[in-house]
């Protein structure tokens, strides 16, 4: 999806200005936003890729005018309503009025540390060998799906070189839409600055992305 989240190469947004000694949270409510998002994710009703797609579907004017954790909370409201845990009117009223769907599991305090330590590994085995090899030249596909994709807009229809075969992982584009994990090989692909940014690009610059196999074509 070409949404407000995909800003690589876009102009007019000013310089990137990292905050010195930036804290993990800029307010107590952000801690709660993170906790609520993780607790609701533990319901088992959606996966990380569906949650990402919910965030990138926030209308651009709204997405670009709110903070990081506000984006998380707006998307969480969409997911909770989509999966029957709440109705929009309940969110507006701030109280429950219907019986919600039953979650697959409810996260208790003693479960938090083990869950965070386990993380969310998404590497999966596949039966086929990698199609591409290190050093091979490839071109990324030129597509603009309305659905979720992890291939950034600035890196489409570009020619680069395979730097590494990273392993096989859940294919996010399918997983976000309930089509199964369908794991694929993932490759690190390196592009030079001119290929990505065109005339006037820094000739010493390179850009690397990790790309699923179905994003790539032989040159």
C-alpha atoms as a PDB file:
ATOM      1  CA  UNK A   1       0.000   0.000   0.000  1.00  0.00           C
ATOM      2  CA  UNK A   2       1.240   3.479  -0.862  1.00  0.00           C
ATOM      3  CA  UNK A   3       0.275   5.228   2.349  1.00  0.00           C
ATOM      4  CA  UNK A   4       1.471   8.028   4.622  1.00  0.00           C
ATOM      5  CA  UNK A   5       3.846   5.620   6.359  1.00  0.00           C
ATOM      6  CA  UNK A   6       5.966   5.195   3.209  1.00  0.00           C
ATOM      7  CA  UNK A   7       7.853   8.501   3.078  1.00  0.00           C
ATOM      8  CA  UNK A   8      11.228   7.451   1.681  1.00  0.00           C
ATOM      9  CA  UNK A   9      12.368  10.078  -0.812  1.00  0.00           C
ATOM     10  CA  UNK A  10       9.387  12.372  -0.243  1.00  0.00           C
ATOM     11  CA  UNK A  11      10.105  16.097   0.015  1.00  0.00           C
ATOM     12  CA  UNK A  12       8.628  18.836   2.159  1.00  0.00           C
ATOM     13  CA  UNK A  13       8.811  17.129   5.544  1.00  0.00           C
ATOM     14  CA  UNK A  14      11.971  18.839   6.738  1.00  0.00           C
ATOM     15  CA  UNK A  15      15.187  17.255   7.988  1.00  0.00           C
ATOM     16  CA  UNK A  16      15.351  14.210  10.223  1.00  0.00           C
ATOM     17  CA  UNK A  17      16.342  15.584  13.621  1.00  0.00           C
ATOM     18  CA  UNK A  18      17.131  12.801  16.123  1.00  0.00           C
ATOM     19  CA  UNK A  19      16.423  13.777  19.701  1.00  0.00           C
ATOM     20  CA  UNK A  20      19.521  13.716  21.903  1.00  0.00           C
ATOM     21  CA  UNK A  21      19.156  11.147  24.710  1.00  0.00           C
ATOM     22  CA  UNK A  22      15.609  10.502  23.552  1.00  0.00           C
ATOM     23  CA  UNK A  23      13.545   8.780  26.279  1.00  0.00           C
ATOM     24  CA  UNK A  24      11.630   5.595  25.529  1.00  0.00           C
ATOM     25  CA  UNK A  25       8.379   7.415  26.330  1.00  0.00           C
ATOM     26  CA  UNK A  26       7.440  11.085  26.225  1.00  0.00           C
ATOM     27  CA  UNK A  27       4.496  10.715  28.582  1.00  0.00           C
ATOM     28  CA  UNK A  28       2.968   8.227  31.005  1.00  0.00           C
ATOM     29  CA  UNK A  29       0.090   7.614  28.601  1.00  0.00           C
ATOM     30  CA  UNK A  30       2.531   6.242  26.023  1.00  0.00           C
ATOM     31  CA  UNK A  31       3.527   3.478  28.434  1.00  0.00           C
ATOM     32  CA  UNK A  32      -0.139   2.562  28.760  1.00  0.00           C
ATOM     33  CA  UNK A  33      -0.599   2.685  24.985  1.00  0.00           C
ATOM     34  CA  UNK A  34       2.220   0.170  24.529  1.00  0.00           C
ATOM     35  CA  UNK A  35       0.875  -2.064  27.296  1.00  0.00           C
ATOM     36  CA  UNK A  36      -2.673  -2.015  25.966  1.00  0.00           C
ATOM     37  CA  UNK A  37      -1.514  -2.779  22.422  1.00  0.00           C
ATOM     38  CA  UNK A  38       0.554  -5.765  23.575  1.00  0.00           C
ATOM     39  CA  UNK A  39      -2.220  -7.047  25.835  1.00  0.00           C
ATOM     40  CA  UNK A  40      -4.790  -6.834  23.042  1.00  0.00           C
ATOM     41  CA  UNK A  41      -2.392  -8.448  20.594  1.00  0.00           C
ATOM     42  CA  UNK A  42      -2.210 -11.394  22.995  1.00  0.00           C
ATOM     43  CA  UNK A  43      -5.914 -12.016  22.316  1.00  0.00           C
ATOM     44  CA  UNK A  44      -4.732 -13.931  19.254  1.00  0.00           C
ATOM     45  CA  UNK A  45      -7.288 -12.349  16.920  1.00  0.00           C
ATOM     46  CA  UNK A  46      -4.790 -10.655  14.579  1.00  0.00           C
ATOM     47  CA  UNK A  47      -1.102 -10.786  13.719  1.00  0.00           C
ATOM     48  CA  UNK A  48       1.601  -8.133  13.527  1.00  0.00           C
ATOM     49  CA  UNK A  49       1.172  -7.703   9.779  1.00  0.00           C
ATOM     50  CA  UNK A  50      -2.549  -7.016  10.063  1.00  0.00           C
ATOM     51  CA  UNK A  51      -1.794  -4.479  12.788  1.00  0.00           C
ATOM     52  CA  UNK A  52       0.760  -2.736  10.551  1.00  0.00           C
ATOM     53  CA  UNK A  53      -1.770  -2.576   7.742  1.00  0.00           C
ATOM     54  CA  UNK A  54      -4.318  -1.053  10.124  1.00  0.00           C
ATOM     55  CA  UNK A  55      -1.835   1.706  10.947  1.00  0.00           C
ATOM     56  CA  UNK A  56      -0.955   2.465   7.339  1.00  0.00           C
ATOM     57  CA  UNK A  57      -4.679   2.708   6.502  1.00  0.00           C
ATOM     58  CA  UNK A  58      -5.121   5.730   8.754  1.00  0.00           C
ATOM     59  CA  UNK A  59      -6.003   8.666   6.442  1.00  0.00           C
ATOM     60  CA  UNK A  60      -2.847  10.636   5.563  1.00  0.00           C
ATOM     61  CA  UNK A  61      -3.965  13.931   7.124  1.00  0.00           C
ATOM     62  CA  UNK A  62      -4.632  12.173  10.423  1.00  0.00           C
ATOM     63  CA  UNK A  63      -1.550   9.927  10.271  1.00  0.00           C
ATOM     64  CA  UNK A  64       0.835  12.825   9.703  1.00  0.00           C
ATOM     65  CA  UNK A  65      -0.692  15.005  12.418  1.00  0.00           C
ATOM     66  CA  UNK A  66      -0.458  12.617  15.369  1.00  0.00           C
ATOM     67  CA  UNK A  67       2.366  11.038  17.349  1.00  0.00           C
ATOM     68  CA  UNK A  68       3.775   7.526  17.141  1.00  0.00           C
ATOM     69  CA  UNK A  69       1.685   6.002  19.921  1.00  0.00           C
ATOM     70  CA  UNK A  70      -1.432   7.855  18.816  1.00  0.00           C
ATOM     71  CA  UNK A  71      -1.079   5.983  15.515  1.00  0.00           C
ATOM     72  CA  UNK A  72      -0.888   2.734  17.484  1.00  0.00           C
ATOM     73  CA  UNK A  73      -4.050   3.524  19.438  1.00  0.00           C
ATOM     74  CA  UNK A  74      -6.073   4.593  16.391  1.00  0.00           C
ATOM     75  CA  UNK A  75      -5.168   1.372  14.634  1.00  0.00           C
ATOM     76  CA  UNK A  76      -5.943  -0.667  17.755  1.00  0.00           C
ATOM     77  CA  UNK A  77      -9.465   0.751  17.831  1.00  0.00           C
ATOM     78  CA  UNK A  78      -9.936  -0.436  14.245  1.00  0.00           C
ATOM     79  CA  UNK A  79      -8.669  -3.929  15.071  1.00  0.00           C
ATOM     80  CA  UNK A  80     -10.795  -4.268  18.218  1.00  0.00           C
ATOM     81  CA  UNK A  81     -13.924  -3.248  16.322  1.00  0.00           C
ATOM     82  CA  UNK A  82     -13.103  -5.420  13.298  1.00  0.00           C
ATOM     83  CA  UNK A  83     -12.746  -8.525  15.455  1.00  0.00           C
ATOM     84  CA  UNK A  84     -15.815  -7.956  17.610  1.00  0.00           C
ATOM     85  CA  UNK A  85     -14.244  -6.869  20.878  1.00  0.00           C
ATOM     86  CA  UNK A  86     -15.841  -3.425  20.852  1.00  0.00           C
ATOM     87  CA  UNK A  87     -18.217  -1.270  18.824  1.00  0.00           C
ATOM     88  CA  UNK A  88     -17.470   2.224  17.602  1.00  0.00           C
ATOM     89  CA  UNK A  89     -20.233   3.664  19.767  1.00  0.00           C
ATOM     90  CA  UNK A  90     -18.642   2.085  22.831  1.00  0.00           C
ATOM     91  CA  UNK A  91     -15.311   3.715  22.045  1.00  0.00           C
ATOM     92  CA  UNK A  92     -17.041   7.080  21.726  1.00  0.00           C
ATOM     93  CA  UNK A  93     -18.982   6.549  24.950  1.00  0.00           C
ATOM     94  CA  UNK A  94     -16.015   5.169  26.872  1.00  0.00           C
ATOM     95  CA  UNK A  95     -17.991   2.236  28.279  1.00  0.00           C
ATOM     96  CA  UNK A  96     -19.077  -1.246  27.271  1.00  0.00           C
ATOM     97  CA  UNK A  97     -22.667  -1.817  26.148  1.00  0.00           C
ATOM     98  CA  UNK A  98     -22.446  -5.245  24.432  1.00  0.00           C
ATOM     99  CA  UNK A  99     -20.912  -8.607  25.190  1.00  0.00           C
ATOM    100  CA  UNK A 100     -17.535  -8.717  23.395  1.00  0.00           C
ATOM    101  CA  UNK A 101     -15.999 -11.576  21.473  1.00  0.00           C
ATOM    102  CA  UNK A 102     -14.069 -14.067  23.567  1.00  0.00           C
ATOM    103  CA  UNK A 103     -10.279 -13.787  23.171  1.00  0.00           C
ATOM    104  CA  UNK A 104      -8.189 -16.909  22.652  1.00  0.00           C
ATOM    105  CA  UNK A 105      -6.114 -15.907  25.679  1.00  0.00           C
ATOM    106  CA  UNK A 106      -5.894 -13.096  28.204  1.00  0.00           C
ATOM    107  CA  UNK A 107      -2.489 -11.797  29.246  1.00  0.00           C
ATOM    108  CA  UNK A 108      -1.946 -11.861  33.006  1.00  0.00           C
ATOM    109  CA  UNK A 109       0.854 -10.039  34.807  1.00  0.00           C
ATOM    110  CA  UNK A 110       2.924 -13.191  35.329  1.00  0.00           C
ATOM    111  CA  UNK A 111       2.835 -13.921  31.590  1.00  0.00           C
ATOM    112  CA  UNK A 112       4.291 -10.585  30.471  1.00  0.00           C
ATOM    113  CA  UNK A 113       8.013 -11.134  31.096  1.00  0.00           C
ATOM    114  CA  UNK A 114       8.135 -14.597  29.443  1.00  0.00           C
ATOM    115  CA  UNK A 115       6.130 -13.311  26.477  1.00  0.00           C
ATOM    116  CA  UNK A 116       8.436 -10.343  25.931  1.00  0.00           C
ATOM    117  CA  UNK A 117      11.512 -12.554  26.320  1.00  0.00           C
ATOM    118  CA  UNK A 118      10.164 -14.964  23.708  1.00  0.00           C
ATOM    119  CA  UNK A 119       9.516 -12.161  21.218  1.00  0.00           C
ATOM    120  CA  UNK A 120       7.733 -12.823  17.960  1.00  0.00           C
ATOM    121  CA  UNK A 121      10.045 -14.856  15.725  1.00  0.00           C
ATOM    122  CA  UNK A 122       8.767 -15.079  12.160  1.00  0.00           C
ATOM    123  CA  UNK A 123      11.387 -17.348  10.578  1.00  0.00           C
ATOM    124  CA  UNK A 124       9.784 -20.430   9.012  1.00  0.00           C
ATOM    125  CA  UNK A 125      11.149 -23.371   7.001  1.00  0.00           C
ATOM    126  CA  UNK A 126      10.452 -23.702   3.284  1.00  0.00           C
ATOM    127  CA  UNK A 127      10.865 -26.761   1.085  1.00  0.00           C
ATOM    128  CA  UNK A 128      12.451 -25.022  -1.894  1.00  0.00           C
ATOM    129  CA  UNK A 129      16.009 -23.739  -2.310  1.00  0.00           C
ATOM    130  CA  UNK A 130      16.656 -19.997  -2.757  1.00  0.00           C
ATOM    131  CA  UNK A 131      16.093 -18.833  -6.328  1.00  0.00           C
ATOM    132  CA  UNK A 132      18.809 -16.150  -6.166  1.00  0.00           C
ATOM    133  CA  UNK A 133      22.419 -16.280  -4.996  1.00  0.00           C
ATOM    134  CA  UNK A 134      24.816 -13.768  -3.453  1.00  0.00           C
ATOM    135  CA  UNK A 135      26.292 -11.476  -6.098  1.00  0.00           C
ATOM    136  CA  UNK A 136      23.388 -11.889  -8.529  1.00  0.00           C
ATOM    137  CA  UNK A 137      21.798  -8.813 -10.104  1.00  0.00           C
ATOM    138  CA  UNK A 138      18.035  -8.513  -9.606  1.00  0.00           C
ATOM    139  CA  UNK A 139      15.270  -6.032 -10.234  1.00  0.00           C
ATOM    140  CA  UNK A 140      12.413  -5.321  -7.853  1.00  0.00           C
ATOM    141  CA  UNK A 141       8.876  -5.537  -9.144  1.00  0.00           C
ATOM    142  CA  UNK A 142       6.933  -2.408 -10.092  1.00  0.00           C
ATOM    143  CA  UNK A 143       3.593  -2.683  -8.343  1.00  0.00           C
ATOM    144  CA  UNK A 144       1.266  -0.510  -6.286  1.00  0.00           C
ATOM    145  CA  UNK A 145      -1.059  -2.791  -4.319  1.00  0.00           C
ATOM    146  CA  UNK A 146      -3.897  -1.474  -2.179  1.00  0.00           C
ATOM    147  CA  UNK A 147      -3.033  -4.275   0.233  1.00  0.00           C
ATOM    148  CA  UNK A 148      -0.097  -4.530   2.630  1.00  0.00           C
ATOM    149  CA  UNK A 149       3.441  -4.833   1.296  1.00  0.00           C
ATOM    150  CA  UNK A 150       6.888  -4.541   2.829  1.00  0.00           C
ATOM    151  CA  UNK A 151       8.529  -3.422  -0.410  1.00  0.00           C
ATOM    152  CA  UNK A 152       8.967   0.350  -0.005  1.00  0.00           C
ATOM    153  CA  UNK A 153       7.722   2.570  -2.784  1.00  0.00           C
ATOM    154  CA  UNK A 154      11.148   4.146  -3.433  1.00  0.00           C
ATOM    155  CA  UNK A 155      12.711   0.711  -4.075  1.00  0.00           C
ATOM    156  CA  UNK A 156      10.299  -0.573  -6.731  1.00  0.00           C
ATOM    157  CA  UNK A 157      11.446  -1.198 -10.316  1.00  0.00           C
ATOM    158  CA  UNK A 158      15.065  -0.765  -9.195  1.00  0.00           C
ATOM    159  CA  UNK A 159      18.103  -2.875 -10.039  1.00  0.00           C
ATOM    160  CA  UNK A 160      20.453  -4.048  -7.310  1.00  0.00           C
ATOM    161  CA  UNK A 161      22.699  -6.886  -6.199  1.00  0.00           C
ATOM    162  CA  UNK A 162      22.006  -9.703  -3.743  1.00  0.00           C
ATOM    163  CA  UNK A 163      24.295  -9.193  -0.740  1.00  0.00           C
ATOM    164  CA  UNK A 164      22.975 -11.935   1.539  1.00  0.00           C
ATOM    165  CA  UNK A 165      20.385 -14.696   1.814  1.00  0.00           C
ATOM    166  CA  UNK A 166      18.825 -14.068   5.209  1.00  0.00           C
ATOM    167  CA  UNK A 167      16.644 -17.158   5.531  1.00  0.00           C
ATOM    168  CA  UNK A 168      12.950 -17.873   5.068  1.00  0.00           C
ATOM    169  CA  UNK A 169      10.278 -15.849   6.820  1.00  0.00           C
ATOM    170  CA  UNK A 170       6.515 -15.317   6.998  1.00  0.00           C
ATOM    171  CA  UNK A 171       5.378 -13.446   3.880  1.00  0.00           C
ATOM    172  CA  UNK A 172       3.880 -10.309   5.390  1.00  0.00           C
ATOM    173  CA  UNK A 173       1.885  -9.338   2.310  1.00  0.00           C
ATOM    174  CA  UNK A 174      -0.275 -12.471   2.632  1.00  0.00           C
ATOM    175  CA  UNK A 175      -0.215 -12.767   6.413  1.00  0.00           C
ATOM    176  CA  UNK A 176      -1.728  -9.293   6.829  1.00  0.00           C
ATOM    177  CA  UNK A 177      -4.888 -10.397   5.023  1.00  0.00           C
ATOM    178  CA  UNK A 178      -5.577 -13.842   6.467  1.00  0.00           C
ATOM    179  CA  UNK A 179      -4.041 -15.713   3.525  1.00  0.00           C
ATOM    180  CA  UNK A 180      -1.645 -17.715   5.653  1.00  0.00           C
ATOM    181  CA  UNK A 181       2.023 -17.337   6.517  1.00  0.00           C
ATOM    182  CA  UNK A 182       3.283 -18.634   3.122  1.00  0.00           C
ATOM    183  CA  UNK A 183       6.973 -18.200   4.036  1.00  0.00           C
ATOM    184  CA  UNK A 184       9.495 -17.158   1.394  1.00  0.00           C
ATOM    185  CA  UNK A 185      13.235 -16.644   1.188  1.00  0.00           C
ATOM    186  CA  UNK A 186      14.350 -13.141   2.124  1.00  0.00           C
ATOM    187  CA  UNK A 187      17.395 -11.450   0.591  1.00  0.00           C
ATOM    188  CA  UNK A 188      19.379  -8.336   1.399  1.00  0.00           C
ATOM    189  CA  UNK A 189      19.563  -6.330  -1.825  1.00  0.00           C
ATOM    190  CA  UNK A 190      21.966  -3.397  -2.245  1.00  0.00           C
ATOM    191  CA  UNK A 191      21.263  -0.472  -4.617  1.00  0.00           C
ATOM    192  CA  UNK A 192      23.544   2.436  -5.422  1.00  0.00           C
ATOM    193  CA  UNK A 193      22.362   5.966  -4.793  1.00  0.00           C
ATOM    194  CA  UNK A 194      21.892   6.844  -8.427  1.00  0.00           C
ATOM    195  CA  UNK A 195      19.595   3.877  -9.008  1.00  0.00           C
ATOM    196  CA  UNK A 196      17.350   4.888  -6.128  1.00  0.00           C
ATOM    197  CA  UNK A 197      17.466   8.680  -6.263  1.00  0.00           C
ATOM    198  CA  UNK A 198      18.501   9.421  -9.854  1.00  0.00           C
ATOM    199  CA  UNK A 199      20.451  12.430 -11.082  1.00  0.00           C
ATOM    200  CA  UNK A 200      22.285  14.376  -8.411  1.00  0.00           C
ATOM    201  CA  UNK A 201      22.406  11.470  -5.970  1.00  0.00           C
ATOM    202  CA  UNK A 202      25.506  10.996  -3.835  1.00  0.00           C
ATOM    203  CA  UNK A 203      27.606   8.504  -5.864  1.00  0.00           C
ATOM    204  CA  UNK A 204      29.078   7.045  -2.664  1.00  0.00           C
ATOM    205  CA  UNK A 205      25.645   6.242  -1.212  1.00  0.00           C
ATOM    206  CA  UNK A 206      24.162   2.746  -1.129  1.00  0.00           C
ATOM    207  CA  UNK A 207      20.767   1.646   0.125  1.00  0.00           C
ATOM    208  CA  UNK A 208      20.060  -1.861   1.408  1.00  0.00           C
ATOM    209  CA  UNK A 209      16.658  -3.460   1.861  1.00  0.00           C
ATOM    210  CA  UNK A 210      15.502  -6.921   2.873  1.00  0.00           C
ATOM    211  CA  UNK A 211      13.185  -8.231   0.160  1.00  0.00           C
ATOM    212  CA  UNK A 212      11.034 -11.337  -0.091  1.00  0.00           C
ATOM    213  CA  UNK A 213      11.715 -13.565  -3.063  1.00  0.00           C
ATOM    214  CA  UNK A 214       8.469 -12.746  -4.869  1.00  0.00           C
ATOM    215  CA  UNK A 215       9.474  -9.076  -4.947  1.00  0.00           C
ATOM    216  CA  UNK A 216      12.458  -9.872  -7.164  1.00  0.00           C
ATOM    217  CA  UNK A 217      13.070 -10.682 -10.813  1.00  0.00           C
ATOM    218  CA  UNK A 218      16.234 -11.706 -12.639  1.00  0.00           C
ATOM    219  CA  UNK A 219      17.969  -9.112 -14.757  1.00  0.00           C
END
